[in-house]
Amino acid sequence: PGTTSRPATRLTEPAVDRPADIADEVAGVPAVGAGALLYDTVFTGV
């Protein structure tokens, strides 16, 4: 997350994956975007 003086920092390079392949990495993590909404059984923190 960002601060009042600094925007959010990307920690990883953008990637393209099947949701099931990254389920362990994203489960329960706050998530935004149409992809997270579409696969909310994987992005459980959407």
ModelCIF file with pLDDT and N, C-alpha, C, O atoms, coordinates in Angstrom:
data_MODEL
#
_entry.id   MODEL 
#
_entity.id                         1 
_entity.type                       polymer 
_entity.pdbx_number_of_molecules   1 
#
_entity_poly.entity_id                      1 
_entity_poly.type                           'polypeptide(L)' 
_entity_poly.nstd_linkage                   no 
_entity_poly.nstd_monomer                   no 
_entity_poly.pdbx_seq_one_letter_code       PGTTSRPATRLTEPAVDRPADIADEVAGVPAVGAGALLYDTVFTGV 
_entity_poly.pdbx_seq_one_letter_code_can   PGTTSRPATRLTEPAVDRPADIADEVAGVPAVGAGALLYDTVFTGV 
_entity_poly.pdbx_strand_id                 A 
#
loop_
_entity_poly_seq.entity_id 
_entity_poly_seq.num 
_entity_poly_seq.mon_id 
_entity_poly_seq.hetero 
1 1  PRO n 
1 2  GLY n 
1 3  THR n 
1 4  THR n 
1 5  SER n 
1 6  ARG n 
1 7  PRO n 
1 8  ALA n 
1 9  THR n 
1 10 ARG n 
1 11 LEU n 
1 12 THR n 
1 13 GLU n 
1 14 PRO n 
1 15 ALA n 
1 16 VAL n 
1 17 ASP n 
1 18 ARG n 
1 19 PRO n 
1 20 ALA n 
1 21 ASP n 
1 22 ILE n 
1 23 ALA n 
1 24 ASP n 
1 25 GLU n 
1 26 VAL n 
1 27 ALA n 
1 28 GLY n 
1 29 VAL n 
1 30 PRO n 
1 31 ALA n 
1 32 VAL n 
1 33 GLY n 
1 34 ALA n 
1 35 GLY n 
1 36 ALA n 
1 37 LEU n 
1 38 LEU n 
1 39 TYR n 
1 40 ASP n 
1 41 THR n 
1 42 VAL n 
1 43 PHE n 
1 44 THR n 
1 45 GLY n 
1 46 VAL n 
#
_struct_asym.id          A 
_struct_asym.entity_id   1 
#
loop_
_ma_qa_metric.id 
_ma_qa_metric.mode 
_ma_qa_metric.name 
_ma_qa_metric.software_group_id 
_ma_qa_metric.type 
1 global pLDDT . pLDDT 
2 local  pLDDT . pLDDT 
#
_ma_qa_metric_global.metric_id      1 
_ma_qa_metric_global.metric_value   94.74 
_ma_qa_metric_global.model_id       1 
_ma_qa_metric_global.ordinal_id     1 
#
loop_
_ma_qa_metric_local.label_asym_id 
_ma_qa_metric_local.label_comp_id 
_ma_qa_metric_local.label_seq_id 
_ma_qa_metric_local.metric_id 
_ma_qa_metric_local.metric_value 
_ma_qa_metric_local.model_id 
_ma_qa_metric_local.ordinal_id 
A PRO 1  2 94.00 1 1  
A GLY 2  2 86.00 1 2  
A THR 3  2 81.00 1 3  
A THR 4  2 73.00 1 4  
A SER 5  2 74.00 1 5  
A ARG 6  2 84.00 1 6  
A PRO 7  2 90.00 1 7  
A ALA 8  2 94.00 1 8  
A THR 9  2 94.00 1 9  
A ARG 10 2 97.00 1 10 
A LEU 11 2 96.00 1 11 
A THR 12 2 96.00 1 12 
A GLU 13 2 96.00 1 13 
A PRO 14 2 97.00 1 14 
A ALA 15 2 97.00 1 15 
A VAL 16 2 97.00 1 16 
A ASP 17 2 97.00 1 17 
A ARG 18 2 97.00 1 18 
A PRO 19 2 97.00 1 19 
A ALA 20 2 97.00 1 20 
A ASP 21 2 97.00 1 21 
A ILE 22 2 98.00 1 22 
A ALA 23 2 97.00 1 23 
A ASP 24 2 96.00 1 24 
A GLU 25 2 95.00 1 25 
A VAL 26 2 97.00 1 26 
A ALA 27 2 95.00 1 27 
A GLY 28 2 96.00 1 28 
A VAL 29 2 97.00 1 29 
A PRO 30 2 98.00 1 30 
A ALA 31 2 98.00 1 31 
A VAL 32 2 98.00 1 32 
A GLY 33 2 97.00 1 33 
A ALA 34 2 97.00 1 34 
A GLY 35 2 97.00 1 35 
A ALA 36 2 98.00 1 36 
A LEU 37 2 97.00 1 37 
A LEU 38 2 97.00 1 38 
A TYR 39 2 98.00 1 39 
A ASP 40 2 97.00 1 40 
A THR 41 2 97.00 1 41 
A VAL 42 2 98.00 1 42 
A PHE 43 2 98.00 1 43 
A THR 44 2 97.00 1 44 
A GLY 45 2 97.00 1 45 
A VAL 46 2 97.00 1 46 
#
loop_
_atom_site.group_PDB 
_atom_site.id 
_atom_site.type_symbol 
_atom_site.label_atom_id 
_atom_site.label_alt_id 
_atom_site.label_comp_id 
_atom_site.label_asym_id 
_atom_site.label_entity_id 
_atom_site.label_seq_id 
_atom_site.pdbx_PDB_ins_code 
_atom_site.Cartn_x 
_atom_site.Cartn_y 
_atom_site.Cartn_z 
_atom_site.occupancy 
_atom_site.B_iso_or_equiv 
_atom_site.pdbx_formal_charge 
_atom_site.auth_seq_id 
_atom_site.auth_comp_id 
_atom_site.auth_asym_id 
_atom_site.auth_atom_id 
_atom_site.pdbx_PDB_model_num 
ATOM 1   N N  . PRO A 1 1  ? 0.820   -1.221  0.000   1.00 94.00 ? 1  PRO A N  1 
ATOM 2   C CA . PRO A 1 1  ? 0.000   0.000   0.000   1.00 94.00 ? 1  PRO A CA 1 
ATOM 3   C C  . PRO A 1 1  ? 0.848   1.263   0.000   1.00 94.00 ? 1  PRO A C  1 
ATOM 4   O O  . PRO A 1 1  ? 1.992   1.265   0.455   1.00 94.00 ? 1  PRO A O  1 
ATOM 5   N N  . GLY A 1 2  ? 0.265   2.330   -0.517  1.00 86.00 ? 2  GLY A N  1 
ATOM 6   C CA . GLY A 1 2  ? 0.953   3.609   -0.555  1.00 86.00 ? 2  GLY A CA 1 
ATOM 7   C C  . GLY A 1 2  ? 0.742   4.409   0.719   1.00 86.00 ? 2  GLY A C  1 
ATOM 8   O O  . GLY A 1 2  ? 0.087   3.955   1.658   1.00 86.00 ? 2  GLY A O  1 
ATOM 9   N N  . THR A 1 3  ? 1.305   5.601   0.732   1.00 81.00 ? 3  THR A N  1 
ATOM 10  C CA . THR A 1 3  ? 1.131   6.542   1.838   1.00 81.00 ? 3  THR A CA 1 
ATOM 11  C C  . THR A 1 3  ? 0.639   7.858   1.249   1.00 81.00 ? 3  THR A C  1 
ATOM 12  O O  . THR A 1 3  ? 0.383   7.941   0.047   1.00 81.00 ? 3  THR A O  1 
ATOM 13  N N  . THR A 1 4  ? 0.506   8.869   2.066   1.00 73.00 ? 4  THR A N  1 
ATOM 14  C CA . THR A 1 4  ? 0.059   10.171  1.568   1.00 73.00 ? 4  THR A CA 1 
ATOM 15  C C  . THR A 1 4  ? 1.069   10.781  0.601   1.00 73.00 ? 4  THR A C  1 
ATOM 16  O O  . THR A 1 4  ? 0.706   11.612  -0.232  1.00 73.00 ? 4  THR A O  1 
ATOM 17  N N  . SER A 1 5  ? 2.314   10.381  0.703   1.00 74.00 ? 5  SER A N  1 
ATOM 18  C CA . SER A 1 5  ? 3.359   10.963  -0.154  1.00 74.00 ? 5  SER A CA 1 
ATOM 19  C C  . SER A 1 5  ? 3.901   9.992   -1.191  1.00 74.00 ? 5  SER A C  1 
ATOM 20  O O  . SER A 1 5  ? 4.725   10.374  -2.021  1.00 74.00 ? 5  SER A O  1 
ATOM 21  N N  . ARG A 1 6  ? 3.447   8.734   -1.154  1.00 84.00 ? 6  ARG A N  1 
ATOM 22  C CA . ARG A 1 6  ? 3.994   7.728   -2.060  1.00 84.00 ? 6  ARG A CA 1 
ATOM 23  C C  . ARG A 1 6  ? 2.888   6.804   -2.542  1.00 84.00 ? 6  ARG A C  1 
ATOM 24  O O  . ARG A 1 6  ? 2.104   6.308   -1.734  1.00 84.00 ? 6  ARG A O  1 
ATOM 25  N N  . PRO A 1 7  ? 2.812   6.563   -3.861  1.00 90.00 ? 7  PRO A N  1 
ATOM 26  C CA . PRO A 1 7  ? 1.777   5.655   -4.372  1.00 90.00 ? 7  PRO A CA 1 
ATOM 27  C C  . PRO A 1 7  ? 2.074   4.209   -4.009  1.00 90.00 ? 7  PRO A C  1 
ATOM 28  O O  . PRO A 1 7  ? 3.178   3.887   -3.569  1.00 90.00 ? 7  PRO A O  1 
ATOM 29  N N  . ALA A 1 8  ? 1.096   3.346   -4.192  1.00 94.00 ? 8  ALA A N  1 
ATOM 30  C CA . ALA A 1 8  ? 1.285   1.918   -3.969  1.00 94.00 ? 8  ALA A CA 1 
ATOM 31  C C  . ALA A 1 8  ? 2.453   1.404   -4.801  1.00 94.00 ? 8  ALA A C  1 
ATOM 32  O O  . ALA A 1 8  ? 2.652   1.831   -5.938  1.00 94.00 ? 8  ALA A O  1 
ATOM 33  N N  . THR A 1 9  ? 3.216   0.493   -4.231  1.00 94.00 ? 9  THR A N  1 
ATOM 34  C CA . THR A 1 9  ? 4.397   -0.049  -4.890  1.00 94.00 ? 9  THR A CA 1 
ATOM 35  C C  . THR A 1 9  ? 4.121   -1.459  -5.389  1.00 94.00 ? 9  THR A C  1 
ATOM 36  O O  . THR A 1 9  ? 3.677   -2.320  -4.629  1.00 94.00 ? 9  THR A O  1 
ATOM 37  N N  . ARG A 1 10 ? 4.386   -1.687  -6.665  1.00 97.00 ? 10 ARG A N  1 
ATOM 38  C CA . ARG A 1 10 ? 4.217   -3.039  -7.207  1.00 97.00 ? 10 ARG A CA 1 
ATOM 39  C C  . ARG A 1 10 ? 5.396   -3.896  -6.766  1.00 97.00 ? 10 ARG A C  1 
ATOM 40  O O  . ARG A 1 10 ? 6.551   -3.529  -6.981  1.00 97.00 ? 10 ARG A O  1 
ATOM 41  N N  . LEU A 1 11 ? 5.101   -5.042  -6.145  1.00 96.00 ? 11 LEU A N  1 
ATOM 42  C CA . LEU A 1 11 ? 6.137   -5.915  -5.605  1.00 96.00 ? 11 LEU A CA 1 
ATOM 43  C C  . LEU A 1 11 ? 6.543   -7.015  -6.567  1.00 96.00 ? 11 LEU A C  1 
ATOM 44  O O  . LEU A 1 11 ? 7.612   -7.605  -6.408  1.00 96.00 ? 11 LEU A O  1 
ATOM 45  N N  . THR A 1 12 ? 5.715   -7.305  -7.561  1.00 96.00 ? 12 THR A N  1 
ATOM 46  C CA . THR A 1 12 ? 6.002   -8.366  -8.526  1.00 96.00 ? 12 THR A CA 1 
ATOM 47  C C  . THR A 1 12 ? 5.787   -7.842  -9.932  1.00 96.00 ? 12 THR A C  1 
ATOM 48  O O  . THR A 1 12 ? 5.044   -6.882  -10.137 1.00 96.00 ? 12 THR A O  1 
ATOM 49  N N  . GLU A 1 13 ? 6.427   -8.464  -10.886 1.00 96.00 ? 13 GLU A N  1 
ATOM 50  C CA . GLU A 1 13 ? 6.187   -8.121  -12.285 1.00 96.00 ? 13 GLU A CA 1 
ATOM 51  C C  . GLU A 1 13 ? 4.793   -8.592  -12.683 1.00 96.00 ? 13 GLU A C  1 
ATOM 52  O O  . GLU A 1 13 ? 4.329   -9.618  -12.186 1.00 96.00 ? 13 GLU A O  1 
ATOM 53  N N  . PRO A 1 14 ? 4.119   -7.868  -13.563 1.00 97.00 ? 14 PRO A N  1 
ATOM 54  C CA . PRO A 1 14 ? 2.816   -8.349  -14.035 1.00 97.00 ? 14 PRO A CA 1 
ATOM 55  C C  . PRO A 1 14 ? 2.945   -9.746  -14.639 1.00 97.00 ? 14 PRO A C  1 
ATOM 56  O O  . PRO A 1 14 ? 3.918   -10.044 -15.332 1.00 97.00 ? 14 PRO A O  1 
ATOM 57  N N  . ALA A 1 15 ? 1.965   -10.589 -14.372 1.00 97.00 ? 15 ALA A N  1 
ATOM 58  C CA . ALA A 1 15 ? 2.002   -11.970 -14.857 1.00 97.00 ? 15 ALA A CA 1 
ATOM 59  C C  . ALA A 1 15 ? 0.630   -12.356 -15.384 1.00 97.00 ? 15 ALA A C  1 
ATOM 60  O O  . ALA A 1 15 ? -0.376  -11.722 -15.065 1.00 97.00 ? 15 ALA A O  1 
ATOM 61  N N  . VAL A 1 16 ? 0.606   -13.411 -16.198 1.00 97.00 ? 16 VAL A N  1 
ATOM 62  C CA . VAL A 1 16 ? -0.662  -13.968 -16.671 1.00 97.00 ? 16 VAL A CA 1 
ATOM 63  C C  . VAL A 1 16 ? -0.693  -15.432 -16.261 1.00 97.00 ? 16 VAL A C  1 
ATOM 64  O O  . VAL A 1 16 ? 0.224   -16.191 -16.576 1.00 97.00 ? 16 VAL A O  1 
ATOM 65  N N  . ASP A 1 17 ? -1.763  -15.831 -15.550 1.00 97.00 ? 17 ASP A N  1 
ATOM 66  C CA . ASP A 1 17 ? -1.857  -17.187 -15.023 1.00 97.00 ? 17 ASP A CA 1 
ATOM 67  C C  . ASP A 1 17 ? -3.305  -17.629 -14.951 1.00 97.00 ? 17 ASP A C  1 
ATOM 68  O O  . ASP A 1 17 ? -4.223  -16.809 -14.948 1.00 97.00 ? 17 ASP A O  1 
ATOM 69  N N  . ARG A 1 18 ? -3.493  -18.936 -14.892 1.00 97.00 ? 18 ARG A N  1 
ATOM 70  C CA . ARG A 1 18 ? -4.802  -19.485 -14.558 1.00 97.00 ? 18 ARG A CA 1 
ATOM 71  C C  . ARG A 1 18 ? -5.017  -19.297 -13.057 1.00 97.00 ? 18 ARG A C  1 
ATOM 72  O O  . ARG A 1 18 ? -4.106  -19.561 -12.272 1.00 97.00 ? 18 ARG A O  1 
ATOM 73  N N  . PRO A 1 19 ? -6.185  -18.854 -12.648 1.00 97.00 ? 19 PRO A N  1 
ATOM 74  C CA . PRO A 1 19 ? -6.412  -18.601 -11.221 1.00 97.00 ? 19 PRO A CA 1 
ATOM 75  C C  . PRO A 1 19 ? -6.056  -19.787 -10.330 1.00 97.00 ? 19 PRO A C  1 
ATOM 76  O O  . PRO A 1 19 ? -5.496  -19.597 -9.250  1.00 97.00 ? 19 PRO A O  1 
ATOM 77  N N  . ALA A 1 20 ? -6.371  -21.001 -10.764 1.00 97.00 ? 20 ALA A N  1 
ATOM 78  C CA . ALA A 1 20 ? -6.089  -22.170 -9.931  1.00 97.00 ? 20 ALA A CA 1 
ATOM 79  C C  . ALA A 1 20 ? -4.596  -22.331 -9.652  1.00 97.00 ? 20 ALA A C  1 
ATOM 80  O O  . ALA A 1 20 ? -4.204  -22.873 -8.619  1.00 97.00 ? 20 ALA A O  1 
ATOM 81  N N  . ASP A 1 21 ? -3.766  -21.853 -10.585 1.00 97.00 ? 21 ASP A N  1 
ATOM 82  C CA . ASP A 1 21 ? -2.317  -22.009 -10.418 1.00 97.00 ? 21 ASP A CA 1 
ATOM 83  C C  . ASP A 1 21 ? -1.723  -21.053 -9.395  1.00 97.00 ? 21 ASP A C  1 
ATOM 84  O O  . ASP A 1 21 ? -0.605  -21.261 -8.924  1.00 97.00 ? 21 ASP A O  1 
ATOM 85  N N  . ILE A 1 22 ? -2.472  -19.998 -9.047  1.00 98.00 ? 22 ILE A N  1 
ATOM 86  C CA . ILE A 1 22 ? -1.947  -19.019 -8.083  1.00 98.00 ? 22 ILE A CA 1 
ATOM 87  C C  . ILE A 1 22 ? -2.821  -18.959 -6.826  1.00 98.00 ? 22 ILE A C  1 
ATOM 88  O O  . ILE A 1 22 ? -2.716  -18.025 -6.031  1.00 98.00 ? 22 ILE A O  1 
ATOM 89  N N  . ALA A 1 23 ? -3.678  -19.958 -6.659  1.00 97.00 ? 23 ALA A N  1 
ATOM 90  C CA . ALA A 1 23 ? -4.643  -19.934 -5.554  1.00 97.00 ? 23 ALA A CA 1 
ATOM 91  C C  . ALA A 1 23 ? -3.966  -19.780 -4.199  1.00 97.00 ? 23 ALA A C  1 
ATOM 92  O O  . ALA A 1 23 ? -4.437  -19.023 -3.352  1.00 97.00 ? 23 ALA A O  1 
ATOM 93  N N  . ASP A 1 24 ? -2.870  -20.490 -3.992  1.00 96.00 ? 24 ASP A N  1 
ATOM 94  C CA . ASP A 1 24 ? -2.200  -20.425 -2.693  1.00 96.00 ? 24 ASP A CA 1 
ATOM 95  C C  . ASP A 1 24 ? -1.601  -19.047 -2.433  1.00 96.00 ? 24 ASP A C  1 
ATOM 96  O O  . ASP A 1 24 ? -1.468  -18.636 -1.281  1.00 96.00 ? 24 ASP A O  1 
ATOM 97  N N  . GLU A 1 25 ? -1.240  -18.334 -3.492  1.00 95.00 ? 25 GLU A N  1 
ATOM 98  C CA . GLU A 1 25 ? -0.616  -17.017 -3.342  1.00 95.00 ? 25 GLU A CA 1 
ATOM 99  C C  . GLU A 1 25 ? -1.616  -15.902 -3.075  1.00 95.00 ? 25 GLU A C  1 
ATOM 100 O O  . GLU A 1 25 ? -1.275  -14.904 -2.441  1.00 95.00 ? 25 GLU A O  1 
ATOM 101 N N  . VAL A 1 26 ? -2.840  -16.058 -3.549  1.00 97.00 ? 26 VAL A N  1 
ATOM 102 C CA . VAL A 1 26 ? -3.802  -14.949 -3.475  1.00 97.00 ? 26 VAL A CA 1 
ATOM 103 C C  . VAL A 1 26 ? -4.971  -15.193 -2.526  1.00 97.00 ? 26 VAL A C  1 
ATOM 104 O O  . VAL A 1 26 ? -5.727  -14.266 -2.235  1.00 97.00 ? 26 VAL A O  1 
ATOM 105 N N  . ALA A 1 27 ? -5.134  -16.422 -2.039  1.00 95.00 ? 27 ALA A N  1 
ATOM 106 C CA . ALA A 1 27 ? -6.271  -16.729 -1.169  1.00 95.00 ? 27 ALA A CA 1 
ATOM 107 C C  . ALA A 1 27 ? -6.231  -15.859 0.088   1.00 95.00 ? 27 ALA A C  1 
ATOM 108 O O  . ALA A 1 27 ? -5.223  -15.821 0.793   1.00 95.00 ? 27 ALA A O  1 
ATOM 109 N N  . GLY A 1 28 ? -7.324  -15.170 0.359   1.00 96.00 ? 28 GLY A N  1 
ATOM 110 C CA . GLY A 1 28 ? -7.429  -14.354 1.562   1.00 96.00 ? 28 GLY A CA 1 
ATOM 111 C C  . GLY A 1 28 ? -6.760  -13.002 1.481   1.00 96.00 ? 28 GLY A C  1 
ATOM 112 O O  . GLY A 1 28 ? -6.936  -12.174 2.375   1.00 96.00 ? 28 GLY A O  1 
ATOM 113 N N  . VAL A 1 29 ? -5.990  -12.754 0.422   1.00 97.00 ? 29 VAL A N  1 
ATOM 114 C CA . VAL A 1 29 ? -5.301  -11.469 0.263   1.00 97.00 ? 29 VAL A CA 1 
ATOM 115 C C  . VAL A 1 29 ? -6.296  -10.455 -0.310  1.00 97.00 ? 29 VAL A C  1 
ATOM 116 O O  . VAL A 1 29 ? -6.991  -10.782 -1.272  1.00 97.00 ? 29 VAL A O  1 
ATOM 117 N N  . PRO A 1 30 ? -6.391  -9.244  0.237   1.00 98.00 ? 30 PRO A N  1 
ATOM 118 C CA . PRO A 1 30 ? -7.272  -8.240  -0.364  1.00 98.00 ? 30 PRO A CA 1 
ATOM 119 C C  . PRO A 1 30 ? -6.970  -8.099  -1.855  1.00 98.00 ? 30 PRO A C  1 
ATOM 120 O O  . PRO A 1 30 ? -5.807  -8.032  -2.253  1.00 98.00 ? 30 PRO A O  1 
ATOM 121 N N  . ALA A 1 31 ? -8.016  -8.054  -2.675  1.00 98.00 ? 31 ALA A N  1 
ATOM 122 C CA . ALA A 1 31 ? -7.824  -8.018  -4.124  1.00 98.00 ? 31 ALA A CA 1 
ATOM 123 C C  . ALA A 1 31 ? -8.878  -7.139  -4.769  1.00 98.00 ? 31 ALA A C  1 
ATOM 124 O O  . ALA A 1 31 ? -10.017 -7.074  -4.306  1.00 98.00 ? 31 ALA A O  1 
ATOM 125 N N  . VAL A 1 32 ? -8.486  -6.459  -5.849  1.00 98.00 ? 32 VAL A N  1 
ATOM 126 C CA . VAL A 1 32 ? -9.412  -5.645  -6.628  1.00 98.00 ? 32 VAL A CA 1 
ATOM 127 C C  . VAL A 1 32 ? -9.233  -5.962  -8.101  1.00 98.00 ? 32 VAL A C  1 
ATOM 128 O O  . VAL A 1 32 ? -8.218  -6.530  -8.506  1.00 98.00 ? 32 VAL A O  1 
ATOM 129 N N  . GLY A 1 33 ? -10.227 -5.590  -8.902  1.00 97.00 ? 33 GLY A N  1 
ATOM 130 C CA . GLY A 1 33 ? -10.159 -5.777  -10.343 1.00 97.00 ? 33 GLY A CA 1 
ATOM 131 C C  . GLY A 1 33 ? -11.143 -6.818  -10.830 1.00 97.00 ? 33 GLY A C  1 
ATOM 132 O O  . GLY A 1 33 ? -11.605 -7.667  -10.067 1.00 97.00 ? 33 GLY A O  1 
ATOM 133 N N  . ALA A 1 34 ? -11.460 -6.740  -12.123 1.00 97.00 ? 34 ALA A N  1 
ATOM 134 C CA . ALA A 1 34 ? -12.452 -7.631  -12.718 1.00 97.00 ? 34 ALA A CA 1 
ATOM 135 C C  . ALA A 1 34 ? -12.036 -9.093  -12.636 1.00 97.00 ? 34 ALA A C  1 
ATOM 136 O O  . ALA A 1 34 ? -12.888 -9.970  -12.501 1.00 97.00 ? 34 ALA A O  1 
ATOM 137 N N  . GLY A 1 35 ? -10.735 -9.366  -12.716 1.00 97.00 ? 35 GLY A N  1 
ATOM 138 C CA . GLY A 1 35 ? -10.268 -10.745 -12.622 1.00 97.00 ? 35 GLY A CA 1 
ATOM 139 C C  . GLY A 1 35 ? -10.531 -11.341 -11.253 1.00 97.00 ? 35 GLY A C  1 
ATOM 140 O O  . GLY A 1 35 ? -10.928 -12.501 -11.141 1.00 97.00 ? 35 GLY A O  1 
ATOM 141 N N  . ALA A 1 36 ? -10.313 -10.552 -10.213 1.00 98.00 ? 36 ALA A N  1 
ATOM 142 C CA . ALA A 1 36 ? -10.571 -11.020 -8.851  1.00 98.00 ? 36 ALA A CA 1 
ATOM 143 C C  . ALA A 1 36 ? -12.060 -11.241 -8.624  1.00 98.00 ? 36 ALA A C  1 
ATOM 144 O O  . ALA A 1 36 ? -12.453 -12.194 -7.951  1.00 98.00 ? 36 ALA A O  1 
ATOM 145 N N  . LEU A 1 37 ? -12.889 -10.365 -9.183  1.00 97.00 ? 37 LEU A N  1 
ATOM 146 C CA . LEU A 1 37 ? -14.342 -10.518 -9.054  1.00 97.00 ? 37 LEU A CA 1 
ATOM 147 C C  . LEU A 1 37 ? -14.838 -11.745 -9.813  1.00 97.00 ? 37 LEU A C  1 
ATOM 148 O O  . LEU A 1 37 ? -15.737 -12.449 -9.353  1.00 97.00 ? 37 LEU A O  1 
ATOM 149 N N  . LEU A 1 38 ? -14.248 -11.991 -10.973 1.00 97.00 ? 38 LEU A N  1 
ATOM 150 C CA . LEU A 1 38 ? -14.686 -13.107 -11.804 1.00 97.00 ? 38 LEU A CA 1 
ATOM 151 C C  . LEU A 1 38 ? -14.339 -14.452 -11.170 1.00 97.00 ? 38 LEU A C  1 
ATOM 152 O O  . LEU A 1 38 ? -15.097 -15.414 -11.292 1.00 97.00 ? 38 LEU A O  1 
ATOM 153 N N  . TYR A 1 39 ? -13.198 -14.514 -10.496 1.00 98.00 ? 39 TYR A N  1 
ATOM 154 C CA . TYR A 1 39 ? -12.743 -15.766 -9.889  1.00 98.00 ? 39 TYR A CA 1 
ATOM 155 C C  . TYR A 1 39 ? -12.681 -15.618 -8.371  1.00 98.00 ? 39 TYR A C  1 
ATOM 156 O O  . TYR A 1 39 ? -11.633 -15.814 -7.755  1.00 98.00 ? 39 TYR A O  1 
ATOM 157 N N  . ASP A 1 40 ? -13.813 -15.273 -7.789  1.00 97.00 ? 40 ASP A N  1 
ATOM 158 C CA . ASP A 1 40 ? -13.832 -14.987 -6.355  1.00 97.00 ? 40 ASP A CA 1 
ATOM 159 C C  . ASP A 1 40 ? -13.717 -16.229 -5.485  1.00 97.00 ? 40 ASP A C  1 
ATOM 160 O O  . ASP A 1 40 ? -13.551 -16.106 -4.271  1.00 97.00 ? 40 ASP A O  1 
ATOM 161 N N  . THR A 1 41 ? -13.800 -17.423 -6.066  1.00 97.00 ? 41 THR A N  1 
ATOM 162 C CA . THR A 1 41 ? -13.541 -18.627 -5.279  1.00 97.00 ? 41 THR A CA 1 
ATOM 163 C C  . THR A 1 41 ? -12.048 -18.839 -5.072  1.00 97.00 ? 41 THR A C  1 
ATOM 164 O O  . THR A 1 41 ? -11.640 -19.590 -4.185  1.00 97.00 ? 41 THR A O  1 
ATOM 165 N N  . VAL A 1 42 ? -11.229 -18.174 -5.895  1.00 98.00 ? 42 VAL A N  1 
ATOM 166 C CA . VAL A 1 42 ? -9.770  -18.206 -5.743  1.00 98.00 ? 42 VAL A CA 1 
ATOM 167 C C  . VAL A 1 42 ? -9.296  -16.953 -5.023  1.00 98.00 ? 42 VAL A C  1 
ATOM 168 O O  . VAL A 1 42 ? -8.529  -17.030 -4.063  1.00 98.00 ? 42 VAL A O  1 
ATOM 169 N N  . PHE A 1 43 ? -9.767  -15.775 -5.503  1.00 98.00 ? 43 PHE A N  1 
ATOM 170 C CA . PHE A 1 43 ? -9.430  -14.506 -4.853  1.00 98.00 ? 43 PHE A CA 1 
ATOM 171 C C  . PHE A 1 43 ? -10.447 -14.273 -3.723  1.00 98.00 ? 43 PHE A C  1 
ATOM 172 O O  . PHE A 1 43 ? -11.350 -13.444 -3.838  1.00 98.00 ? 43 PHE A O  1 
ATOM 173 N N  . THR A 1 44 ? -10.274 -15.015 -2.649  1.00 97.00 ? 44 THR A N  1 
ATOM 174 C CA . THR A 1 44 ? -11.289 -15.001 -1.593  1.00 97.00 ? 44 THR A CA 1 
ATOM 175 C C  . THR A 1 44 ? -11.287 -13.712 -0.774  1.00 97.00 ? 44 THR A C  1 
ATOM 176 O O  . THR A 1 44 ? -12.203 -13.477 0.014   1.00 97.00 ? 44 THR A O  1 
ATOM 177 N N  . GLY A 1 45 ? -10.269 -12.883 -0.956  1.00 97.00 ? 45 GLY A N  1 
ATOM 178 C CA . GLY A 1 45 ? -10.235 -11.598 -0.252  1.00 97.00 ? 45 GLY A CA 1 
ATOM 179 C C  . GLY A 1 45 ? -10.685 -10.445 -1.134  1.00 97.00 ? 45 GLY A C  1 
ATOM 180 O O  . GLY A 1 45 ? -10.389 -9.289  -0.831  1.00 97.00 ? 45 GLY A O  1 
ATOM 181 N N  . VAL A 1 46 ? -11.395 -10.736 -2.223  1.00 97.00 ? 46 VAL A N  1 
ATOM 182 C CA . VAL A 1 46 ? -11.778 -9.692  -3.180  1.00 97.00 ? 46 VAL A CA 1 
ATOM 183 C C  . VAL A 1 46 ? -12.617 -8.615  -2.494  1.00 97.00 ? 46 VAL A C  1 
ATOM 184 O O  . VAL A 1 46 ? -13.033 -7.653  -3.140  1.00 97.00 ? 46 VAL A O  1 
#
